[in-house]
């Protein structure tokens, strides 16, 4: 596969102790198809992130498992909690 560019996309998620800012870099590959992305375990442990891959991709932050935030690639700018 050939790299055709790199995208740097800040992802900011709210947290009661301060917003979580992730600065992932995505390498765009020719003819590559992706369903999502992975976060390192260092971010997950540091901020208490739980990542679920059910019908839609979302995270919960800390101990509040009821408040879910979308990781859907088409709705990444939506910071509102998901409705169940």
PDB file of N, CA and C in Angstrom:
ATOM      1  N   UNK A   1       0.841  -1.182   0.000  1.00  0.00           N
ATOM      2  CA  UNK A   1       0.000   0.000   0.000  1.00  0.00           C
ATOM      3  C   UNK A   1       0.885   1.243   0.000  1.00  0.00           C
ATOM      4  N   UNK A   2       0.427   2.247  -0.683  1.00  0.00           N
ATOM      5  CA  UNK A   2       1.184   3.484  -0.809  1.00  0.00           C
ATOM      6  C   UNK A   2       0.548   4.582   0.025  1.00  0.00           C
ATOM      7  N   UNK A   3       1.340   5.270   0.819  1.00  0.00           N
ATOM      8  CA  UNK A   3       0.849   6.398   1.614  1.00  0.00           C
ATOM      9  C   UNK A   3       0.634   7.590   0.692  1.00  0.00           C
ATOM     10  N   UNK A   4      -0.572   8.192   0.776  1.00  0.00           N
ATOM     11  CA  UNK A   4      -0.852   9.366  -0.053  1.00  0.00           C
ATOM     12  C   UNK A   4      -1.009  10.634   0.782  1.00  0.00           C
ATOM     13  N   UNK A   5      -0.819  10.529   2.093  1.00  0.00           N
ATOM     14  CA  UNK A   5      -0.882  11.717   2.936  1.00  0.00           C
ATOM     15  C   UNK A   5      -1.134  11.375   4.389  1.00  0.00           C
ATOM     16  N   UNK A   6      -1.061  12.397   5.224  1.00  0.00           N
ATOM     17  CA  UNK A   6      -1.300  12.259   6.658  1.00  0.00           C
ATOM     18  C   UNK A   6      -2.306  13.306   7.094  1.00  0.00           C
ATOM     19  N   UNK A   7      -3.261  12.894   7.917  1.00  0.00           N
ATOM     20  CA  UNK A   7      -4.258  13.807   8.473  1.00  0.00           C
ATOM     21  C   UNK A   7      -4.031  13.874   9.975  1.00  0.00           C
ATOM     22  N   UNK A   8      -3.952  15.079  10.515  1.00  0.00           N
ATOM     23  CA  UNK A   8      -3.872  15.269  11.962  1.00  0.00           C
ATOM     24  C   UNK A   8      -5.202  15.854  12.395  1.00  0.00           C
ATOM     25  N   UNK A   9      -5.943  15.137  13.230  1.00  0.00           N
ATOM     26  CA  UNK A   9      -7.297  15.531  13.629  1.00  0.00           C
ATOM     27  C   UNK A   9      -7.371  15.562  15.141  1.00  0.00           C
ATOM     28  N   UNK A  10      -7.457  16.759  15.724  1.00  0.00           N
ATOM     29  CA  UNK A  10      -7.639  16.856  17.171  1.00  0.00           C
ATOM     30  C   UNK A  10      -9.006  16.312  17.548  1.00  0.00           C
ATOM     31  N   UNK A  11      -9.035  15.485  18.564  1.00  0.00           N
ATOM     32  CA  UNK A  11     -10.289  14.964  19.105  1.00  0.00           C
ATOM     33  C   UNK A  11     -10.365  15.443  20.545  1.00  0.00           C
ATOM     34  N   UNK A  12     -11.416  16.171  20.875  1.00  0.00           N
ATOM     35  CA  UNK A  12     -11.581  16.703  22.227  1.00  0.00           C
ATOM     36  C   UNK A  12     -12.850  16.109  22.818  1.00  0.00           C
ATOM     37  N   UNK A  13     -12.713  15.463  23.955  1.00  0.00           N
ATOM     38  CA  UNK A  13     -13.850  14.872  24.660  1.00  0.00           C
ATOM     39  C   UNK A  13     -13.940  15.500  26.044  1.00  0.00           C
ATOM     40  N   UNK A  14     -15.153  15.836  26.491  1.00  0.00           N
ATOM     41  CA  UNK A  14     -15.300  16.444  27.815  1.00  0.00           C
ATOM     42  C   UNK A  14     -15.006  15.453  28.934  1.00  0.00           C
ATOM     43  N   UNK A  15     -14.485  15.968  30.030  1.00  0.00           N
ATOM     44  CA  UNK A  15     -14.206  15.154  31.212  1.00  0.00           C
ATOM     45  C   UNK A  15     -14.327  16.055  32.427  1.00  0.00           C
ATOM     46  N   UNK A  16     -14.820  15.528  33.529  1.00  0.00           N
ATOM     47  CA  UNK A  16     -15.050  16.352  34.719  1.00  0.00           C
ATOM     48  C   UNK A  16     -13.762  16.936  35.290  1.00  0.00           C
ATOM     49  N   UNK A  17     -12.628  16.321  35.019  1.00  0.00           N
ATOM     50  CA  UNK A  17     -11.345  16.834  35.496  1.00  0.00           C
ATOM     51  C   UNK A  17     -10.633  17.665  34.433  1.00  0.00           C
ATOM     52  N   UNK A  18     -11.332  17.980  33.373  1.00  0.00           N
ATOM     53  CA  UNK A  18     -10.732  18.725  32.260  1.00  0.00           C
ATOM     54  C   UNK A  18     -10.901  17.947  30.969  1.00  0.00           C
ATOM     55  N   UNK A  19     -11.019  18.647  29.873  1.00  0.00           N
ATOM     56  CA  UNK A  19     -11.224  17.994  28.587  1.00  0.00           C
ATOM     57  C   UNK A  19     -10.057  17.082  28.228  1.00  0.00           C
ATOM     58  N   UNK A  20     -10.378  16.026  27.516  1.00  0.00           N
ATOM     59  CA  UNK A  20      -9.373  15.107  27.006  1.00  0.00           C
ATOM     60  C   UNK A  20      -9.068  15.530  25.579  1.00  0.00           C
ATOM     61  N   UNK A  21      -7.836  15.834  25.303  1.00  0.00           N
ATOM     62  CA  UNK A  21      -7.432  16.217  23.952  1.00  0.00           C
ATOM     63  C   UNK A  21      -6.510  15.136  23.408  1.00  0.00           C
ATOM     64  N   UNK A  22      -6.946  14.515  22.336  1.00  0.00           N
ATOM     65  CA  UNK A  22      -6.144  13.519  21.652  1.00  0.00           C
ATOM     66  C   UNK A  22      -5.664  14.129  20.342  1.00  0.00           C
ATOM     67  N   UNK A  23      -4.438  13.862  19.973  1.00  0.00           N
ATOM     68  CA  UNK A  23      -3.869  14.396  18.739  1.00  0.00           C
ATOM     69  C   UNK A  23      -3.414  13.260  17.825  1.00  0.00           C
ATOM     70  N   UNK A  24      -4.353  12.422  17.389  1.00  0.00           N
ATOM     71  CA  UNK A  24      -3.940  11.296  16.548  1.00  0.00           C
ATOM     72  C   UNK A  24      -3.541  11.752  15.149  1.00  0.00           C
ATOM     73  N   UNK A  25      -2.661  10.989  14.546  1.00  0.00           N
ATOM     74  CA  UNK A  25      -2.281  11.201  13.155  1.00  0.00           C
ATOM     75  C   UNK A  25      -2.743   9.986  12.370  1.00  0.00           C
ATOM     76  N   UNK A  26      -3.470  10.230  11.311  1.00  0.00           N
ATOM     77  CA  UNK A  26      -3.986   9.166  10.462  1.00  0.00           C
ATOM     78  C   UNK A  26      -3.214   9.178   9.151  1.00  0.00           C
ATOM     79  N   UNK A  27      -2.637   8.061   8.793  1.00  0.00           N
ATOM     80  CA  UNK A  27      -1.935   7.940   7.519  1.00  0.00           C
ATOM     81  C   UNK A  27      -2.935   7.396   6.502  1.00  0.00           C
ATOM     82  N   UNK A  28      -3.124   8.134   5.417  1.00  0.00           N
ATOM     83  CA  UNK A  28      -4.058   7.731   4.368  1.00  0.00           C
ATOM     84  C   UNK A  28      -3.306   6.854   3.373  1.00  0.00           C
ATOM     85  N   UNK A  29      -3.824   5.642   3.181  1.00  0.00           N
ATOM     86  CA  UNK A  29      -3.201   4.691   2.270  1.00  0.00           C
ATOM     87  C   UNK A  29      -4.073   4.517   1.034  1.00  0.00           C
ATOM     88  N   UNK A  30      -3.424   4.401  -0.088  1.00  0.00           N
ATOM     89  CA  UNK A  30      -4.143   4.194  -1.336  1.00  0.00           C
ATOM     90  C   UNK A  30      -4.900   2.869  -1.277  1.00  0.00           C
ATOM     91  N   UNK A  31      -6.166   2.894  -1.653  1.00  0.00           N
ATOM     92  CA  UNK A  31      -7.041   1.712  -1.687  1.00  0.00           C
ATOM     93  C   UNK A  31      -7.237   1.047  -0.327  1.00  0.00           C
ATOM     94  N   UNK A  32      -7.106   1.793   0.759  1.00  0.00           N
ATOM     95  CA  UNK A  32      -7.335   1.233   2.099  1.00  0.00           C
ATOM     96  C   UNK A  32      -8.727   1.633   2.583  1.00  0.00           C
ATOM     97  N   UNK A  33      -9.390   0.733   3.250  1.00  0.00           N
ATOM     98  CA  UNK A  33     -10.708   0.993   3.825  1.00  0.00           C
ATOM     99  C   UNK A  33     -10.617   0.754   5.322  1.00  0.00           C
ATOM    100  N   UNK A  34     -11.192   1.650   6.114  1.00  0.00           N
ATOM    101  CA  UNK A  34     -11.079   1.549   7.572  1.00  0.00           C
ATOM    102  C   UNK A  34     -12.462   1.660   8.205  1.00  0.00           C
ATOM    103  N   UNK A  35     -12.677   0.907   9.257  1.00  0.00           N
ATOM    104  CA  UNK A  35     -13.929   0.930   9.999  1.00  0.00           C
ATOM    105  C   UNK A  35     -13.837   1.789  11.254  1.00  0.00           C
ATOM    106  N   UNK A  36     -12.651   2.147  11.680  1.00  0.00           N
ATOM    107  CA  UNK A  36     -12.486   2.916  12.913  1.00  0.00           C
ATOM    108  C   UNK A  36     -11.018   3.174  13.173  1.00  0.00           C
ATOM    109  N   UNK A  37     -10.693   3.505  14.409  1.00  0.00           N
ATOM    110  CA  UNK A  37      -9.302   3.738  14.777  1.00  0.00           C
ATOM    111  C   UNK A  37      -9.066   3.217  16.181  1.00  0.00           C
ATOM    112  N   UNK A  38      -7.817   3.043  16.542  1.00  0.00           N
ATOM    113  CA  UNK A  38      -7.446   2.523  17.855  1.00  0.00           C
ATOM    114  C   UNK A  38      -6.764   3.606  18.674  1.00  0.00           C
ATOM    115  N   UNK A  39      -7.027   3.615  19.971  1.00  0.00           N
ATOM    116  CA  UNK A  39      -6.319   4.493  20.901  1.00  0.00           C
ATOM    117  C   UNK A  39      -5.342   3.642  21.701  1.00  0.00           C
ATOM    118  N   UNK A  40      -4.209   4.210  22.026  1.00  0.00           N
ATOM    119  CA  UNK A  40      -3.232   3.491  22.837  1.00  0.00           C
ATOM    120  C   UNK A  40      -3.743   3.269  24.251  1.00  0.00           C
ATOM    121  N   UNK A  41      -3.272   2.220  24.885  1.00  0.00           N
ATOM    122  CA  UNK A  41      -3.708   1.923  26.248  1.00  0.00           C
ATOM    123  C   UNK A  41      -3.247   2.981  27.240  1.00  0.00           C
ATOM    124  N   UNK A  42      -2.207   3.758  26.883  1.00  0.00           N
ATOM    125  CA  UNK A  42      -1.781   4.834  27.780  1.00  0.00           C
ATOM    126  C   UNK A  42      -2.883   5.879  27.932  1.00  0.00           C
ATOM    127  N   UNK A  43      -3.553   6.257  26.840  1.00  0.00           N
ATOM    128  CA  UNK A  43      -4.679   7.190  26.919  1.00  0.00           C
ATOM    129  C   UNK A  43      -5.845   6.564  27.678  1.00  0.00           C
ATOM    130  N   UNK A  44      -6.123   5.300  27.406  1.00  0.00           N
ATOM    131  CA  UNK A  44      -7.249   4.639  28.050  1.00  0.00           C
ATOM    132  C   UNK A  44      -7.072   4.580  29.560  1.00  0.00           C
ATOM    133  N   UNK A  45      -5.901   4.226  30.016  1.00  0.00           N
ATOM    134  CA  UNK A  45      -5.639   4.135  31.460  1.00  0.00           C
ATOM    135  C   UNK A  45      -5.599   5.502  32.119  1.00  0.00           C
ATOM    136  N   UNK A  46      -4.975   6.464  31.461  1.00  0.00           N
ATOM    137  CA  UNK A  46      -4.817   7.797  32.038  1.00  0.00           C
ATOM    138  C   UNK A  46      -6.166   8.488  32.269  1.00  0.00           C
ATOM    139  N   UNK A  47      -7.107   8.301  31.346  1.00  0.00           N
ATOM    140  CA  UNK A  47      -8.372   9.022  31.416  1.00  0.00           C
ATOM    141  C   UNK A  47      -9.566   8.137  31.738  1.00  0.00           C
ATOM    142  N   UNK A  48      -9.359   6.874  32.021  1.00  0.00           N
ATOM    143  CA  UNK A  48     -10.469   5.993  32.356  1.00  0.00           C
ATOM    144  C   UNK A  48     -11.415   5.780  31.193  1.00  0.00           C
ATOM    145  N   UNK A  49     -10.883   5.653  29.983  1.00  0.00           N
ATOM    146  CA  UNK A  49     -11.714   5.486  28.796  1.00  0.00           C
ATOM    147  C   UNK A  49     -12.087   4.024  28.618  1.00  0.00           C
ATOM    148  N   UNK A  50     -13.349   3.785  28.358  1.00  0.00           N
ATOM    149  CA  UNK A  50     -13.819   2.461  27.973  1.00  0.00           C
ATOM    150  C   UNK A  50     -14.343   2.579  26.556  1.00  0.00           C
ATOM    151  N   UNK A  51     -13.845   1.771  25.662  1.00  0.00           N
ATOM    152  CA  UNK A  51     -14.243   1.839  24.260  1.00  0.00           C
ATOM    153  C   UNK A  51     -15.080   0.614  23.934  1.00  0.00           C
ATOM    154  N   UNK A  52     -16.255   0.871  23.370  1.00  0.00           N
ATOM    155  CA  UNK A  52     -17.178  -0.197  23.012  1.00  0.00           C
ATOM    156  C   UNK A  52     -17.360  -0.216  21.507  1.00  0.00           C
ATOM    157  N   UNK A  53     -17.498  -1.373  20.930  1.00  0.00           N
ATOM    158  CA  UNK A  53     -17.820  -1.519  19.514  1.00  0.00           C
ATOM    159  C   UNK A  53     -19.092  -2.344  19.407  1.00  0.00           C
ATOM    160  N   UNK A  54     -20.216  -1.694  19.701  1.00  0.00           N
ATOM    161  CA  UNK A  54     -21.504  -2.366  19.566  1.00  0.00           C
ATOM    162  C   UNK A  54     -22.114  -1.900  18.248  1.00  0.00           C
ATOM    163  N   UNK A  55     -23.404  -1.544  18.248  1.00  0.00           N
ATOM    164  CA  UNK A  55     -24.033  -1.071  17.018  1.00  0.00           C
ATOM    165  C   UNK A  55     -23.404   0.217  16.513  1.00  0.00           C
ATOM    166  N   UNK A  56     -22.974   1.070  17.427  1.00  0.00           N
ATOM    167  CA  UNK A  56     -22.247   2.277  17.044  1.00  0.00           C
ATOM    168  C   UNK A  56     -21.043   2.405  17.964  1.00  0.00           C
ATOM    169  N   UNK A  57     -19.993   2.999  17.468  1.00  0.00           N
ATOM    170  CA  UNK A  57     -18.767   3.134  18.266  1.00  0.00           C
ATOM    171  C   UNK A  57     -18.909   4.313  19.215  1.00  0.00           C
ATOM    172  N   UNK A  58     -18.591   4.080  20.474  1.00  0.00           N
ATOM    173  CA  UNK A  58     -18.681   5.145  21.469  1.00  0.00           C
ATOM    174  C   UNK A  58     -17.719   4.857  22.617  1.00  0.00           C
ATOM    175  N   UNK A  59     -17.511   5.880  23.453  1.00  0.00           N
ATOM    176  CA  UNK A  59     -16.706   5.710  24.658  1.00  0.00           C
ATOM    177  C   UNK A  59     -17.508   6.178  25.854  1.00  0.00           C
ATOM    178  N   UNK A  60     -17.144   5.686  27.011  1.00  0.00           N
ATOM    179  CA  UNK A  60     -17.599   6.253  28.274  1.00  0.00           C
ATOM    180  C   UNK A  60     -16.349   6.744  28.986  1.00  0.00           C
ATOM    181  N   UNK A  61     -16.514   7.738  29.841  1.00  0.00           N
ATOM    182  CA  UNK A  61     -15.365   8.343  30.509  1.00  0.00           C
ATOM    183  C   UNK A  61     -15.501   8.156  32.008  1.00  0.00           C
ATOM    184  N   UNK A  62     -14.450   7.654  32.641  1.00  0.00           N
ATOM    185  CA  UNK A  62     -14.467   7.463  34.086  1.00  0.00           C
ATOM    186  C   UNK A  62     -15.440   6.371  34.491  1.00  0.00           C
ATOM    187  N   UNK A  63     -16.189   6.621  35.563  1.00  0.00           N
ATOM    188  CA  UNK A  63     -17.089   5.594  36.095  1.00  0.00           C
ATOM    189  C   UNK A  63     -18.520   5.740  35.611  1.00  0.00           C
ATOM    190  N   UNK A  64     -18.853   6.809  34.889  1.00  0.00           N
ATOM    191  CA  UNK A  64     -20.212   7.021  34.395  1.00  0.00           C
ATOM    192  C   UNK A  64     -20.423   6.227  33.109  1.00  0.00           C
ATOM    193  N   UNK A  65     -21.006   5.038  33.232  1.00  0.00           N
ATOM    194  CA  UNK A  65     -21.214   4.172  32.072  1.00  0.00           C
ATOM    195  C   UNK A  65     -22.495   4.515  31.320  1.00  0.00           C
ATOM    196  N   UNK A  66     -23.315   5.420  31.873  1.00  0.00           N
ATOM    197  CA  UNK A  66     -24.564   5.801  31.224  1.00  0.00           C
ATOM    198  C   UNK A  66     -24.353   6.877  30.161  1.00  0.00           C
ATOM    199  N   UNK A  67     -23.344   7.720  30.320  1.00  0.00           N
ATOM    200  CA  UNK A  67     -23.103   8.832  29.407  1.00  0.00           C
ATOM    201  C   UNK A  67     -22.107   8.377  28.344  1.00  0.00           C
ATOM    202  N   UNK A  68     -22.596   8.225  27.114  1.00  0.00           N
ATOM    203  CA  UNK A  68     -21.779   7.694  26.033  1.00  0.00           C
ATOM    204  C   UNK A  68     -21.517   8.785  24.999  1.00  0.00           C
ATOM    205  N   UNK A  69     -20.293   8.811  24.472  1.00  0.00           N
ATOM    206  CA  UNK A  69     -19.903   9.787  23.461  1.00  0.00           C
ATOM    207  C   UNK A  69     -19.560   9.059  22.171  1.00  0.00           C
ATOM    208  N   UNK A  70     -20.106   9.559  21.066  1.00  0.00           N
ATOM    209  CA  UNK A  70     -19.956   8.910  19.772  1.00  0.00           C
ATOM    210  C   UNK A  70     -18.524   8.963  19.266  1.00  0.00           C
ATOM    211  N   UNK A  71     -18.086   7.867  18.669  1.00  0.00           N
ATOM    212  CA  UNK A  71     -16.835   7.826  17.924  1.00  0.00           C
ATOM    213  C   UNK A  71     -17.111   7.529  16.457  1.00  0.00           C
ATOM    214  N   UNK A  72     -18.386   7.658  16.061  1.00  0.00           N
ATOM    215  CA  UNK A  72     -18.779   7.414  14.680  1.00  0.00           C
ATOM    216  C   UNK A  72     -18.021   8.383  13.783  1.00  0.00           C
ATOM    217  N   UNK A  73     -17.357   7.866  12.784  1.00  0.00           N
ATOM    218  CA  UNK A  73     -16.524   8.710  11.925  1.00  0.00           C
ATOM    219  C   UNK A  73     -17.323   9.805  11.236  1.00  0.00           C
ATOM    220  N   UNK A  74     -18.633   9.598  11.034  1.00  0.00           N
ATOM    221  CA  UNK A  74     -19.460  10.601  10.372  1.00  0.00           C
ATOM    222  C   UNK A  74     -20.002  11.631  11.347  1.00  0.00           C
ATOM    223  N   UNK A  75     -19.871  11.401  12.644  1.00  0.00           N
ATOM    224  CA  UNK A  75     -20.422  12.298  13.653  1.00  0.00           C
ATOM    225  C   UNK A  75     -19.382  12.686  14.698  1.00  0.00           C
ATOM    226  N   UNK A  76     -18.116  12.731  14.345  1.00  0.00           N
ATOM    227  CA  UNK A  76     -17.070  12.980  15.331  1.00  0.00           C
ATOM    228  C   UNK A  76     -17.138  14.366  15.945  1.00  0.00           C
ATOM    229  N   UNK A  77     -17.734  15.334  15.252  1.00  0.00           N
ATOM    230  CA  UNK A  77     -17.815  16.683  15.810  1.00  0.00           C
ATOM    231  C   UNK A  77     -18.947  16.810  16.819  1.00  0.00           C
ATOM    232  N   UNK A  78     -19.833  15.818  16.919  1.00  0.00           N
ATOM    233  CA  UNK A  78     -20.954  15.846  17.855  1.00  0.00           C
ATOM    234  C   UNK A  78     -20.462  15.435  19.235  1.00  0.00           C
ATOM    235  N   UNK A  79     -20.476  16.371  20.184  1.00  0.00           N
ATOM    236  CA  UNK A  79     -19.969  16.092  21.523  1.00  0.00           C
ATOM    237  C   UNK A  79     -21.082  15.738  22.502  1.00  0.00           C
ATOM    238  N   UNK A  80     -22.338  15.679  22.024  1.00  0.00           N
ATOM    239  CA  UNK A  80     -23.450  15.351  22.905  1.00  0.00           C
ATOM    240  C   UNK A  80     -23.455  13.854  23.197  1.00  0.00           C
ATOM    241  N   UNK A  81     -23.892  13.457  24.404  1.00  0.00           N
ATOM    242  CA  UNK A  81     -23.998  12.030  24.709  1.00  0.00           C
ATOM    243  C   UNK A  81     -24.986  11.349  23.771  1.00  0.00           C
ATOM    244  N   UNK A  82     -24.758  10.082  23.485  1.00  0.00           N
ATOM    245  CA  UNK A  82     -25.663   9.315  22.643  1.00  0.00           C
ATOM    246  C   UNK A  82     -26.934   8.979  23.394  1.00  0.00           C
ATOM    247  N   UNK A  83     -28.036   8.914  22.669  1.00  0.00           N
ATOM    248  CA  UNK A  83     -29.302   8.452  23.235  1.00  0.00           C
ATOM    249  C   UNK A  83     -29.340   6.939  23.100  1.00  0.00           C
ATOM    250  N   UNK A  84     -29.825   6.269  24.124  1.00  0.00           N
ATOM    251  CA  UNK A  84     -29.945   4.808  24.071  1.00  0.00           C
ATOM    252  C   UNK A  84     -31.206   4.415  23.357  1.00  0.00           C
TER     253      UNK A  84
END
